[in-house]
């Protein structure tokens, strides 16, 4: 038998027909490499994850935990960054600025940071004594060409989507997959930045010119016969860069429409002319102290016009100063600052780091990052390793440091490539990997009890941090934390019984801290997530003025039926109701005073001050 395979990158009908008519023989070596990768990932993931779960079970708790050959190095990146931040000691430094009028410019001393205050003070005194004699010593202007952006591969799409819209990598991939299935963009799981001519780029451009939203830009490129894109270095033998098919989309959801617009604008920008920019630097002296100010401006937009509103540049146009010209400096100031700790990763920067280290594939990196969040190892937009994540890292570093090594993962990836090239056999690679895993587990097993105890402490710390919402506004000593009673969840002060401050929480919902407080009542704002409904934000105080209209029908909804204005009760501290004498049950819980009614109607929620996510 000689099975054949269709090769296609879009779901456009004519591309599928062409792929069927030109089906090629199956690449058996590629199949072997893929199967080997799946088997090794499964062997490592299930055994190491099982080892972690067995350890914490031995300590008396059950917790779904996981680790793998890529998840380990990814966790290590976050934890090492977290430890660097915690170990960071800020250092004071001073900067000097000369303020100019009438252009309101701020010239900076060429010694960017003075770590010696005495040296800074001396430079300040010298500058202030000569500020009336300030003159321009040099003016440097330089024009340069700014190349268009390269076509999107998956990683750059995820990074740009996060920058433009705040979409995390996993969500961006979901949206891109949806657009692919609608046949309006090509296959998103690609690492290529190439758009070969065989894709029929001119034909795609002409189809886009029929779309009213993009017709002006597309027709301009067609009229100039610009059908050759500016490409990047990265290649993918399986698929080209992400590009629009030219098919008119149907009814897209808001976020799908945003990502679709980003992909089309990027595609068009790749074919446009270079932009012309100018940088300028003006230098002055105050006595013997040198100062400068820099700026940049766009002279000719070129591709920038095609990529609006996503192309962002600092536009600082400096006045036409001339060498020897006197400058009016109103004052010289010395500003004290402190060095800052390293910045935490965002999901976008972490996915770029994984790509740079050749960890994971374009299709798996977003899922790996999401797993770190799902397991409770990481939290926040600016990703912070949780106590549990740090504990898992510490346990593995002591007992199985190989799983945290990005070098080991890269060597395995090279062996997969060698299988594809026919230089290695799957049997040999799998056997070698199993031997290495057995060695790691043999070191892990004797320390299982201690590791489990450490993991349990980390788990408890993570749970406590997640349940803590903020400072108690009543006693100002305790913290407001999410608690569970026999009647459900509520928020209470941990200084109980000295402080009996309590707030109800909606039933049958997941409540998460936002880290923010209400401007009206000062209580923490939480995100309420309910099954099958859109999450919303609310503060804890049931009597806050942001809730004064809750349960009331807006005038615009006067004709709304009872079914559309269904409301749900916010549970307060509740007490069970006994059966009546007739033996029939009343409502399960009876509310105490202060209970509010939460409307499920989206319009009512918005009018009442809740934020619909």
Protein backbone atom coordinates (compact mmCIF):
# COMPACT_ATOMS: atom_id res chain seq x y z
CA UNK A 1 0.00 0.00 0.00
CA UNK A 2 1.17 3.51 -0.73
CA UNK A 3 -1.03 5.98 1.16
CA UNK A 4 -1.13 9.53 -0.13
CA UNK A 5 -1.60 12.78 1.71
CA UNK A 6 -3.29 16.03 0.76
CA UNK A 7 -1.18 19.12 1.45
CA UNK A 8 -3.13 22.36 1.92
CA UNK A 9 -2.97 25.49 4.08
CA UNK A 10 -6.44 26.95 3.56
CA UNK A 11 -9.98 25.54 3.54
CA UNK A 12 -10.92 27.38 0.35
CA UNK A 13 -12.70 24.93 -1.95
CA UNK A 14 -10.36 25.33 -4.93
CA UNK A 15 -7.30 24.78 -2.70
CA UNK A 16 -8.80 21.59 -1.31
CA UNK A 17 -9.61 20.30 -4.82
CA UNK A 18 -6.07 21.11 -5.95
CA UNK A 19 -4.62 19.34 -2.89
CA UNK A 20 -6.73 16.26 -3.66
CA UNK A 21 -5.71 16.21 -7.33
CA UNK A 22 -2.04 16.58 -6.40
CA UNK A 23 -1.91 14.34 -3.34
CA UNK A 24 1.62 13.14 -2.56
CA UNK A 25 3.06 10.02 -1.00
CA UNK A 26 3.13 9.97 2.79
CA UNK A 27 6.41 11.11 4.36
CA UNK A 28 7.02 8.07 6.54
CA UNK A 29 10.02 9.58 8.29
CA UNK A 30 7.98 12.62 9.32
CA UNK A 31 5.29 10.30 10.68
CA UNK A 32 7.89 8.36 12.68
CA UNK A 33 9.34 11.58 14.11
CA UNK A 34 5.89 12.84 15.09
CA UNK A 35 4.88 9.59 16.75
CA UNK A 36 8.16 9.44 18.63
CA UNK A 37 7.68 12.99 19.93
CA UNK A 38 4.16 12.15 21.15
CA UNK A 39 5.32 8.95 22.84
CA UNK A 40 8.26 10.61 24.62
CA UNK A 41 6.09 13.53 25.74
CA UNK A 42 3.51 11.06 27.09
CA UNK A 43 6.11 8.92 28.89
CA UNK A 44 7.79 11.89 30.54
CA UNK A 45 4.60 13.79 31.33
CA UNK A 46 2.60 10.97 32.84
CA UNK A 47 5.47 9.57 34.96
CA UNK A 48 6.74 12.87 36.35
CA UNK A 49 3.22 14.19 36.93
CA UNK A 50 2.32 10.94 38.70
CA UNK A 51 5.43 11.29 40.87
CA UNK A 52 4.37 14.78 41.98
CA UNK A 53 0.80 13.71 42.71
CA UNK A 54 1.94 10.63 44.64
CA UNK A 55 4.21 12.84 46.76
CA UNK A 56 1.49 15.29 47.77
CA UNK A 57 -0.93 12.40 48.35
CA UNK A 58 1.56 10.94 50.78
CA UNK A 59 1.40 14.25 52.66
CA UNK A 60 -2.37 13.84 53.02
CA UNK A 61 -3.80 15.89 50.14
CA UNK A 62 -5.05 15.31 46.62
CA UNK A 63 -4.09 17.74 43.89
CA UNK A 64 -3.95 17.44 40.12
CA UNK A 65 -0.36 18.34 39.25
CA UNK A 66 1.69 18.07 36.11
CA UNK A 67 5.18 18.57 34.77
CA UNK A 68 6.77 17.67 31.46
CA UNK A 69 9.89 18.07 29.38
CA UNK A 70 8.81 21.54 28.15
CA UNK A 71 6.60 22.54 31.06
CA UNK A 72 9.59 22.07 33.40
CA UNK A 73 11.93 24.55 31.67
CA UNK A 74 9.02 26.99 31.23
CA UNK A 75 8.30 26.87 34.96
CA UNK A 76 12.02 27.30 35.65
CA UNK A 77 12.05 30.54 33.62
CA UNK A 78 9.23 31.98 35.74
CA UNK A 79 10.58 30.89 39.12
CA UNK A 80 14.14 32.03 38.47
CA UNK A 81 12.78 35.39 37.36
CA UNK A 82 10.68 35.55 40.54
CA UNK A 83 13.69 34.76 42.71
CA UNK A 84 15.76 37.41 40.94
CA UNK A 85 13.01 39.96 41.65
CA UNK A 86 12.78 39.00 45.33
CA UNK A 87 16.57 39.07 45.73
CA UNK A 88 16.84 42.43 43.99
CA UNK A 89 18.19 45.30 46.10
CA UNK A 90 17.37 48.75 44.69
CA UNK A 91 20.21 51.23 44.37
CA UNK A 92 19.72 55.00 44.39
CA UNK A 93 20.96 57.08 41.50
CA UNK A 94 20.52 60.67 40.33
CA UNK A 95 19.72 62.23 36.95
CA UNK A 96 20.13 65.83 35.81
CA UNK A 97 17.66 67.60 33.52
CA UNK A 98 17.79 71.08 31.98
CA UNK A 99 14.33 72.49 31.21
CA UNK A 100 14.04 74.69 28.10
CA UNK A 101 11.43 77.22 26.96
CA UNK A 102 9.52 78.08 24.85
CA UNK A 103 9.50 74.56 23.32
CA UNK A 104 9.13 72.84 26.73
CA UNK A 105 12.02 70.49 26.03
CA UNK A 106 13.82 68.53 28.73
CA UNK A 107 17.53 68.08 28.01
CA UNK A 108 19.19 65.19 29.87
CA UNK A 109 22.77 65.08 31.13
CA UNK A 110 24.90 62.76 29.02
CA UNK A 111 25.89 60.89 32.15
CA UNK A 112 22.62 59.05 32.27
CA UNK A 113 22.85 57.85 35.88
CA UNK A 114 24.99 59.34 38.65
CA UNK A 115 25.49 56.70 41.34
CA UNK A 116 27.61 59.15 43.36
CA UNK A 117 25.41 61.90 44.81
CA UNK A 118 28.35 64.22 45.36
CA UNK A 119 29.33 63.99 41.68
CA UNK A 120 25.73 64.71 40.69
CA UNK A 121 25.55 67.68 43.04
CA UNK A 122 28.78 69.10 41.64
CA UNK A 123 27.50 68.74 38.06
CA UNK A 124 24.23 70.42 39.11
CA UNK A 125 26.01 73.42 40.61
CA UNK A 126 28.20 73.81 37.53
CA UNK A 127 25.15 73.55 35.24
CA UNK A 128 23.06 76.03 37.24
CA UNK A 129 25.88 78.59 37.32
CA UNK A 130 26.11 78.55 33.53
CA UNK A 131 22.51 78.02 32.48
CA UNK A 132 22.21 81.57 31.07
CA UNK A 133 25.07 80.84 28.66
CA UNK A 134 23.61 77.61 27.28
CA UNK A 135 24.32 77.10 23.58
CA UNK A 136 23.77 74.42 20.99
CA UNK A 137 27.03 72.57 20.38
CA UNK A 138 25.79 70.15 17.70
CA UNK A 139 22.70 69.16 15.74
CA UNK A 140 22.59 65.67 14.22
CA UNK A 141 19.81 64.66 11.85
CA UNK A 142 19.71 61.35 10.05
CA UNK A 143 17.15 59.93 7.67
CA UNK A 144 16.73 56.17 7.41
CA UNK A 145 14.44 53.63 5.80
CA UNK A 146 12.11 51.57 8.01
CA UNK A 147 11.39 48.19 6.42
CA UNK A 148 7.83 46.82 6.38
CA UNK A 149 6.93 44.16 8.96
CA UNK A 150 7.32 40.52 8.01
CA UNK A 151 4.27 38.27 7.49
CA UNK A 152 2.83 36.69 10.61
CA UNK A 153 4.02 33.36 11.89
CA UNK A 154 2.05 32.09 14.89
CA UNK A 155 4.42 33.48 17.52
CA UNK A 156 4.54 37.01 16.08
CA UNK A 157 0.75 36.94 15.66
CA UNK A 158 0.34 36.00 19.32
CA UNK A 159 2.76 38.71 20.44
CA UNK A 160 1.15 41.40 18.29
CA UNK A 161 -2.36 40.35 19.31
CA UNK A 162 -1.37 40.65 22.97
CA UNK A 163 0.12 44.11 22.36
CA UNK A 164 -2.81 45.39 20.31
CA UNK A 165 -5.77 43.79 22.10
CA UNK A 166 -4.49 42.12 25.27
CA UNK A 167 -5.49 38.66 23.95
CA UNK A 168 -3.42 35.92 25.58
CA UNK A 169 -1.62 33.44 23.26
CA UNK A 170 -4.07 30.59 23.84
CA UNK A 171 -7.06 32.79 23.03
CA UNK A 172 -5.35 34.23 19.96
CA UNK A 173 -4.76 30.71 18.64
CA UNK A 174 -8.40 29.83 19.27
CA UNK A 175 -9.55 32.90 17.31
CA UNK A 176 -7.10 32.19 14.49
CA UNK A 177 -8.30 28.58 14.32
CA UNK A 178 -11.89 29.81 14.09
CA UNK A 179 -10.96 32.15 11.22
CA UNK A 180 -9.13 29.28 9.50
CA UNK A 181 -12.17 27.03 9.79
CA UNK A 182 -14.25 29.84 8.28
CA UNK A 183 -11.82 29.75 5.30
CA UNK A 184 -10.87 33.43 5.64
CA UNK A 185 -7.25 32.95 6.76
CA UNK A 186 -4.62 30.26 6.26
CA UNK A 187 -3.54 27.60 8.74
CA UNK A 188 -2.27 29.43 11.86
CA UNK A 189 0.11 26.83 13.34
CA UNK A 190 3.12 27.83 11.30
CA UNK A 191 6.61 29.12 12.06
CA UNK A 192 7.10 30.53 8.55
CA UNK A 193 7.55 34.18 7.64
CA UNK A 194 7.50 33.40 3.92
CA UNK A 195 4.73 33.96 1.36
CA UNK A 196 5.75 32.10 -1.83
CA UNK A 197 4.39 33.29 -5.19
CA UNK A 198 2.62 29.96 -5.78
CA UNK A 199 -0.02 31.08 -3.24
CA UNK A 200 -1.45 33.40 -5.90
CA UNK A 201 -0.79 36.59 -3.96
CA UNK A 202 -2.04 38.87 -6.75
CA UNK A 203 -5.31 36.96 -6.82
CA UNK A 204 -5.67 37.32 -3.03
CA UNK A 205 -4.97 41.05 -3.32
CA UNK A 206 -7.66 41.48 -5.97
CA UNK A 207 -10.18 39.64 -3.80
CA UNK A 208 -9.34 41.95 -0.88
CA UNK A 209 -9.89 44.96 -3.16
CA UNK A 210 -13.54 43.88 -3.43
CA UNK A 211 -13.91 44.25 0.33
CA UNK A 212 -15.02 47.84 0.95
CA UNK A 213 -13.06 48.10 4.19
CA UNK A 214 -9.72 47.31 2.50
CA UNK A 215 -10.38 48.27 -1.12
CA UNK A 216 -8.50 51.60 -1.11
CA UNK A 217 -5.29 50.10 0.29
CA UNK A 218 -5.47 46.93 -1.80
CA UNK A 219 -6.15 48.85 -5.04
CA UNK A 220 -3.16 51.09 -4.40
CA UNK A 221 -0.87 48.06 -4.16
CA UNK A 222 -2.45 46.58 -7.29
CA UNK A 223 -2.00 49.81 -9.26
CA UNK A 224 1.69 49.89 -8.26
CA UNK A 225 2.02 46.15 -9.06
CA UNK A 226 3.44 45.46 -5.62
CA UNK A 227 2.95 41.69 -5.37
CA UNK A 228 6.27 40.75 -3.77
CA UNK A 229 6.16 40.78 0.06
CA UNK A 230 8.90 41.72 2.47
CA UNK A 231 9.67 38.38 4.12
CA UNK A 232 11.38 37.26 7.32
CA UNK A 233 14.04 34.60 7.84
CA UNK A 234 11.95 31.87 9.45
CA UNK A 235 10.73 28.99 7.30
CA UNK A 236 8.31 26.11 7.78
CA UNK A 237 8.29 23.24 5.31
CA UNK A 238 4.67 22.40 6.12
CA UNK A 239 2.89 25.77 5.83
CA UNK A 240 3.50 29.36 4.65
CA UNK A 241 3.08 32.43 6.82
CA UNK A 242 -0.44 33.35 7.94
CA UNK A 243 -2.32 35.23 5.22
CA UNK A 244 -5.94 36.13 4.34
CA UNK A 245 -7.56 34.00 1.65
CA UNK A 246 -9.53 36.91 0.24
CA UNK A 247 -12.83 35.15 0.90
CA UNK A 248 -15.48 37.49 2.27
CA UNK A 249 -16.12 36.62 5.91
CA UNK A 250 -19.59 36.00 7.22
CA UNK A 251 -20.78 37.27 10.58
CA UNK A 252 -17.67 37.40 12.73
CA UNK A 253 -17.70 37.91 16.48
CA UNK A 254 -16.09 41.07 17.84
CA UNK A 255 -12.77 39.49 18.79
CA UNK A 256 -12.61 37.44 15.59
CA UNK A 257 -13.17 40.63 13.61
CA UNK A 258 -10.34 42.38 15.46
CA UNK A 259 -7.86 39.58 14.80
CA UNK A 260 -8.99 39.31 11.17
CA UNK A 261 -8.38 43.04 10.70
CA UNK A 262 -4.91 42.70 12.24
CA UNK A 263 -4.01 39.83 9.89
CA UNK A 264 -5.22 41.69 6.78
CA UNK A 265 -3.48 44.95 7.70
CA UNK A 266 -0.25 43.05 8.35
CA UNK A 267 -0.58 41.22 5.03
CA UNK A 268 -1.09 44.46 3.09
CA UNK A 269 1.74 46.22 4.93
CA UNK A 270 4.19 43.50 3.84
CA UNK A 271 3.77 44.60 0.21
CA UNK A 272 3.96 48.36 0.78
CA UNK A 273 6.95 50.68 0.38
CA UNK A 274 9.50 51.33 3.08
CA UNK A 275 8.76 54.17 5.46
CA UNK A 276 11.18 57.07 5.77
CA UNK A 277 11.98 58.24 9.29
CA UNK A 278 14.30 60.90 10.67
CA UNK A 279 16.14 60.81 13.98
CA UNK A 280 17.53 63.97 15.53
CA UNK A 281 19.80 64.71 18.48
CA UNK A 282 20.54 68.20 19.79
CA UNK A 283 23.43 68.69 22.21
CA UNK A 284 24.08 71.70 24.45
CA UNK A 285 26.56 72.59 27.18
CA UNK A 286 26.01 74.34 30.48
CA UNK A 287 29.53 75.32 31.42
CA UNK A 288 31.41 72.06 30.95
CA UNK A 289 28.35 69.88 31.49
CA UNK A 290 26.97 68.23 28.30
CA UNK A 291 23.23 67.69 27.80
CA UNK A 292 21.17 66.29 24.93
CA UNK A 293 17.62 65.74 23.72
CA UNK A 294 16.55 63.23 21.05
CA UNK A 295 13.54 62.92 18.81
CA UNK A 296 12.25 61.07 15.76
CA UNK A 297 9.56 61.69 13.18
CA UNK A 298 8.03 60.08 10.14
CA UNK A 299 8.77 61.82 6.86
CA UNK A 300 7.13 59.36 4.46
CA UNK A 301 4.62 56.87 5.87
CA UNK A 302 4.99 54.10 3.32
CA UNK A 303 3.85 50.81 4.90
CA UNK A 304 2.89 52.55 8.16
CA UNK A 305 -0.28 53.87 6.50
CA UNK A 306 -1.28 50.29 5.63
CA UNK A 307 -0.72 49.01 9.16
CA UNK A 308 -2.66 51.66 11.06
CA UNK A 309 -3.76 51.68 13.84
CA UNK A 310 -1.32 48.92 14.81
CA UNK A 311 1.90 50.68 13.78
CA UNK A 312 3.08 52.72 16.75
CA UNK A 313 6.08 55.04 16.79
CA UNK A 314 7.13 57.84 19.09
CA UNK A 315 6.73 61.07 17.11
CA UNK A 316 8.92 63.75 18.71
CA UNK A 317 9.71 66.59 16.35
CA UNK A 318 12.55 68.83 17.52
CA UNK A 319 12.67 72.54 16.63
CA UNK A 320 15.09 73.60 13.86
CA UNK A 321 17.97 74.40 16.22
CA UNK A 322 21.27 75.56 14.72
CA UNK A 323 24.79 75.04 15.98
CA UNK A 324 25.91 77.97 18.15
CA UNK A 325 22.34 79.08 18.86
CA UNK A 326 21.66 80.26 22.41
CA UNK A 327 19.10 78.27 24.43
CA UNK A 328 16.82 79.58 27.16
CA UNK A 329 17.19 77.19 30.12
CA UNK A 330 14.77 78.06 32.91
CA UNK A 331 16.09 75.66 35.53
CA UNK A 332 18.29 72.60 36.09
CA UNK A 333 16.93 69.87 38.32
CA UNK A 334 18.41 66.83 40.00
CA UNK A 335 16.04 63.86 40.32
CA UNK A 336 16.64 60.93 42.63
CA UNK A 337 15.51 57.52 41.39
CA UNK A 338 16.11 53.85 42.17
CA UNK A 339 17.11 50.96 39.98
CA UNK A 340 14.20 48.65 39.18
CA UNK A 341 14.00 44.86 39.48
CA UNK A 342 13.80 42.72 36.34
CA UNK A 343 10.43 42.82 34.61
CA UNK A 344 8.22 39.76 34.90
CA UNK A 345 7.22 37.86 31.80
CA UNK A 346 3.89 38.44 30.13
CA UNK A 347 2.33 35.53 28.27
CA UNK A 348 3.49 37.12 25.01
CA UNK A 349 7.10 37.65 26.11
CA UNK A 350 7.22 34.16 27.63
CA UNK A 351 6.08 32.54 24.40
CA UNK A 352 8.81 34.50 22.56
CA UNK A 353 11.40 33.32 25.09
CA UNK A 354 10.34 29.69 24.63
CA UNK A 355 10.72 30.10 20.88
CA UNK A 356 14.18 31.67 21.28
CA UNK A 357 15.25 28.73 23.47
CA UNK A 358 13.73 26.26 20.95
CA UNK A 359 11.41 24.83 23.61
CA UNK A 360 8.14 23.33 22.45
CA UNK A 361 6.58 23.87 19.04
CA UNK A 362 4.50 26.70 17.60
CA UNK A 363 1.39 24.59 18.25
CA UNK A 364 2.16 23.67 21.88
CA UNK A 365 3.76 26.72 23.52
CA UNK A 366 0.51 28.55 24.27
CA UNK A 367 -1.01 25.39 25.77
CA UNK A 368 2.07 24.85 27.96
CA UNK A 369 1.80 28.39 29.36
CA UNK A 370 -1.93 27.92 29.97
CA UNK A 371 -1.22 24.69 31.84
CA UNK A 372 1.10 26.57 34.23
CA UNK A 373 -1.87 28.81 35.08
CA UNK A 374 -4.36 25.95 35.28
CA UNK A 375 -2.16 24.03 37.70
CA UNK A 376 -1.78 27.05 39.97
CA UNK A 377 1.95 27.43 39.28
CA UNK A 378 1.58 30.95 37.86
CA UNK A 379 -0.83 33.87 38.13
CA UNK A 380 -1.39 37.41 36.88
CA UNK A 381 -1.00 39.32 33.61
CA UNK A 382 2.54 40.16 34.60
CA UNK A 383 3.26 36.51 35.33
CA UNK A 384 4.17 35.77 38.93
CA UNK A 385 5.22 32.31 40.07
CA UNK A 386 2.95 31.22 42.95
CA UNK A 387 4.23 29.62 46.17
CA UNK A 388 3.11 26.27 44.72
CA UNK A 389 5.01 26.89 41.48
CA UNK A 390 8.12 27.86 43.42
CA UNK A 391 7.80 24.76 45.63
CA UNK A 392 7.46 22.47 42.59
CA UNK A 393 10.56 24.08 41.07
CA UNK A 394 12.55 23.73 44.29
CA UNK A 395 11.53 20.09 44.68
CA UNK A 396 12.54 19.24 41.14
CA UNK A 397 15.77 21.22 41.33
CA UNK A 398 16.84 19.17 44.34
CA UNK A 399 15.66 15.78 43.12
CA UNK A 400 15.28 15.87 39.33
CA UNK A 401 17.00 18.96 38.01
CA UNK A 402 17.26 17.43 34.53
CA UNK A 403 13.56 18.03 33.91
CA UNK A 404 14.14 21.78 34.37
CA UNK A 405 16.97 21.82 31.82
CA UNK A 406 16.21 23.46 28.49
CA UNK A 407 19.36 21.81 27.10
CA UNK A 408 17.91 18.32 27.63
CA UNK A 409 14.69 19.31 25.86
CA UNK A 410 16.60 20.82 22.93
CA UNK A 411 18.70 17.67 22.55
CA UNK A 412 15.51 15.60 22.35
CA UNK A 413 14.15 17.91 19.64
CA UNK A 414 17.37 17.45 17.65
CA UNK A 415 16.94 13.68 17.88
CA UNK A 416 13.42 14.07 16.44
CA UNK A 417 14.90 15.97 13.51
CA UNK A 418 17.47 13.22 13.05
CA UNK A 419 14.65 10.65 12.87
CA UNK A 420 13.05 12.74 10.12
CA UNK A 421 16.40 12.86 8.30
CA UNK A 422 16.92 9.11 8.70
CA UNK A 423 19.95 9.47 10.99
CA UNK A 424 18.22 7.99 14.07
CA UNK A 425 15.62 5.29 14.67
CA UNK A 426 12.53 5.78 16.90
CA UNK A 427 13.37 2.65 18.92
CA UNK A 428 16.81 3.94 19.85
CA UNK A 429 15.60 7.44 20.75
CA UNK A 430 12.71 6.15 22.90
CA UNK A 431 14.95 3.63 24.70
CA UNK A 432 17.51 6.35 25.48
CA UNK A 433 14.77 8.67 26.74
CA UNK A 434 13.25 5.95 28.96
CA UNK A 435 16.65 5.21 30.49
CA UNK A 436 17.17 8.90 31.32
CA UNK A 437 13.68 9.12 32.82
CA UNK A 438 14.25 6.00 34.96
CA UNK A 439 17.43 7.55 36.35
CA UNK A 440 15.54 10.71 37.31
CA UNK A 441 12.69 8.82 38.98
CA UNK A 442 15.09 6.62 40.94
CA UNK A 443 16.47 9.76 42.59
CA UNK A 444 12.99 11.18 43.15
CA UNK A 445 11.38 8.19 44.90
CA UNK A 446 13.47 8.15 48.15
CA UNK A 447 12.63 11.82 48.76
CA UNK A 448 8.91 11.44 48.09
CA UNK A 449 7.73 12.14 51.64
CA UNK A 450 9.78 15.33 52.05
CA UNK A 451 8.81 16.54 48.59
CA UNK A 452 5.14 15.91 49.39
CA UNK A 453 5.39 17.87 52.63
CA UNK A 454 7.01 20.80 50.81
CA UNK A 455 4.42 20.68 48.03
CA UNK A 456 1.58 20.74 50.55
CA UNK A 457 3.01 23.86 52.20
CA UNK A 458 3.31 25.53 48.81
CA UNK A 459 -0.25 24.53 47.93
CA UNK A 460 -1.64 25.97 51.15
CA UNK A 461 0.27 29.23 50.64
CA UNK A 462 -1.06 29.53 47.08
CA UNK A 463 -4.63 28.86 48.19
CA UNK A 464 -4.34 31.44 50.99
CA UNK A 465 -2.98 34.05 48.59
CA UNK A 466 -5.80 33.38 46.08
CA UNK A 467 -8.46 33.66 48.80
CA UNK A 468 -7.13 36.94 50.25
CA UNK A 469 -8.95 39.93 48.77
CA UNK A 470 -7.52 42.87 50.70
CA UNK A 471 -7.41 44.74 53.99
CA UNK A 472 -10.49 44.82 56.21
CA UNK A 473 -11.96 48.32 56.17
CA UNK A 474 -13.77 47.83 59.47
CA UNK A 475 -11.02 46.83 61.89
CA UNK A 476 -8.11 47.89 59.63
CA UNK A 477 -6.04 45.10 61.17
CA UNK A 478 -7.28 41.89 59.58
CA UNK A 479 -7.54 40.80 55.95
CA UNK A 480 -10.71 39.99 54.02
CA UNK A 481 -10.60 36.38 52.88
CA UNK A 482 -12.97 34.02 51.08
CA UNK A 483 -14.37 31.48 53.55
CA UNK A 484 -16.66 28.47 53.23
CA UNK A 485 -19.51 27.65 55.57
CA UNK A 486 -22.12 24.90 55.47
CA UNK A 487 -24.31 27.30 53.48
CA UNK A 488 -21.75 28.34 50.85
CA UNK A 489 -18.92 30.81 50.35
CA UNK A 490 -18.70 34.27 51.91
CA UNK A 491 -16.06 36.91 52.67
CA UNK A 492 -15.00 37.52 56.23
CA UNK A 493 -12.24 39.16 58.22
CA UNK A 494 -9.49 36.78 59.38
CA UNK A 495 -9.38 38.68 62.68
CA UNK A 496 -12.61 36.89 63.68
CA UNK A 497 -14.00 36.79 66.39
CA UNK A 498 -12.52 40.19 67.28
CA UNK A 499 -13.88 41.49 63.95
CA UNK A 500 -17.15 40.12 62.58
CA UNK A 501 -17.09 41.95 59.24
CA UNK A 502 -18.90 39.76 56.67
CA UNK A 503 -19.96 40.05 53.01
CA UNK A 504 -22.14 37.62 51.01
CA UNK A 505 -21.04 36.09 47.70
CA UNK A 506 -23.22 34.94 44.80
CA UNK A 507 -24.06 31.25 44.90
CA UNK A 508 -22.96 28.72 42.32
CA UNK A 509 -20.16 30.94 41.10
CA UNK A 510 -16.39 31.17 41.14
CA UNK A 511 -15.10 34.39 42.71
CA UNK A 512 -11.62 35.73 41.96
CA UNK A 513 -9.77 38.75 43.27
CA UNK A 514 -8.98 41.59 40.85
CA UNK A 515 -6.56 43.34 43.18
CA UNK A 516 -8.64 46.54 42.87
CA UNK A 517 -10.92 48.40 45.28
CA UNK A 518 -14.19 50.25 44.70
CA UNK A 519 -13.82 54.02 44.48
CA UNK A 520 -17.22 54.49 46.13
CA UNK A 521 -17.20 52.14 49.12
CA UNK A 522 -13.53 51.08 49.36
CA UNK A 523 -14.23 47.34 49.43
CA UNK A 524 -12.36 44.90 47.16
CA UNK A 525 -13.66 44.33 43.63
CA UNK A 526 -14.02 40.70 42.60
CA UNK A 527 -14.72 38.89 39.34
CA UNK A 528 -17.80 36.65 39.48
CA UNK A 529 -17.75 33.71 37.06
CA UNK A 530 -20.95 31.72 36.53
CA UNK A 531 -21.45 28.65 34.38
CA UNK A 532 -22.91 29.48 31.00
CA UNK A 533 -22.95 33.25 31.64
CA UNK A 534 -20.58 36.13 31.05
CA UNK A 535 -18.43 37.00 34.07
CA UNK A 536 -18.84 40.39 35.70
CA UNK A 537 -17.13 42.49 38.36
CA UNK A 538 -18.62 43.85 41.54
CA UNK A 539 -17.52 45.23 44.89
CA UNK A 540 -18.38 43.41 48.11
CA UNK A 541 -20.58 46.00 49.82
CA UNK A 542 -24.23 45.20 49.10
CA UNK A 543 -25.21 48.78 50.02
CA UNK A 544 -22.66 50.48 47.77
CA UNK A 545 -24.15 53.19 45.55
CA UNK A 546 -22.85 51.33 42.48
CA UNK A 547 -25.64 48.81 43.18
CA UNK A 548 -28.47 51.27 43.82
CA UNK A 549 -30.20 50.32 40.54
CA UNK A 550 -29.65 46.58 40.80
CA UNK A 551 -32.91 44.75 40.26
CA UNK A 552 -34.59 47.78 38.70
CA UNK A 553 -35.67 47.71 35.08
CA UNK A 554 -34.16 50.54 32.97
CA UNK A 555 -36.58 52.70 31.01
CA UNK A 556 -35.12 51.37 27.74
CA UNK A 557 -36.10 47.86 28.83
CA UNK A 558 -39.69 48.75 29.73
CA UNK A 559 -41.09 46.30 27.19
CA UNK A 560 -38.82 43.46 28.21
CA UNK A 561 -40.67 40.29 29.15
CA UNK A 562 -40.41 38.64 32.53
CA UNK A 563 -38.28 35.89 31.03
CA UNK A 564 -35.67 38.42 29.89
CA UNK A 565 -35.53 40.21 33.23
CA UNK A 566 -35.07 37.14 35.41
CA UNK A 567 -33.11 37.91 38.53
CA UNK A 568 -31.02 35.87 40.87
CA UNK A 569 -30.66 36.40 44.59
CA UNK A 570 -27.29 37.24 46.06
CA UNK A 571 -26.88 34.89 48.99
CA UNK A 572 -26.17 36.59 52.26
CA UNK A 573 -25.33 34.80 55.49
CA UNK A 574 -28.19 32.34 55.37
CA UNK A 575 -29.90 29.99 57.79
CA UNK A 576 -31.79 26.78 57.02
CA UNK A 577 -35.60 26.80 57.26
CA UNK A 578 -37.27 23.91 59.00
CA UNK A 579 -40.28 22.05 57.61
CA UNK A 580 -43.71 23.45 58.30
CA UNK A 581 -46.20 21.60 60.43
CA UNK A 582 -47.75 20.23 57.27
CA UNK A 583 -44.40 18.62 56.56
CA UNK A 584 -43.78 20.58 53.34
CA UNK A 585 -40.52 22.40 52.73
CA UNK A 586 -40.27 26.12 52.25
CA UNK A 587 -37.38 27.72 50.39
CA UNK A 588 -34.10 26.16 51.35
CA UNK A 589 -32.56 29.35 52.67
CA UNK A 590 -34.00 32.52 54.12
CA UNK A 591 -32.08 35.76 53.59
CA UNK A 592 -31.17 38.10 56.38
CA UNK A 593 -31.49 41.83 56.08
CA UNK A 594 -29.22 43.67 53.66
CA UNK A 595 -29.67 41.14 50.83
CA UNK A 596 -29.56 42.58 47.31
CA UNK A 597 -30.95 41.22 44.06
CA UNK A 598 -28.48 40.58 41.24
CA UNK A 599 -30.04 41.01 37.78
CA UNK A 600 -28.90 38.58 35.12
CA UNK A 601 -29.91 40.99 32.39
CA UNK A 602 -26.70 42.41 30.83
CA UNK A 603 -28.14 45.89 30.29
CA UNK A 604 -29.23 46.19 33.91
CA UNK A 605 -25.81 45.09 35.10
CA UNK A 606 -24.08 47.73 33.00
CA UNK A 607 -26.46 50.48 34.12
CA UNK A 608 -25.87 49.46 37.72
CA UNK A 609 -22.13 49.94 37.43
CA UNK A 610 -21.02 46.30 36.99
CA UNK A 611 -18.36 45.61 34.40
CA UNK A 612 -19.32 42.91 31.91
CA UNK A 613 -16.19 41.07 30.78
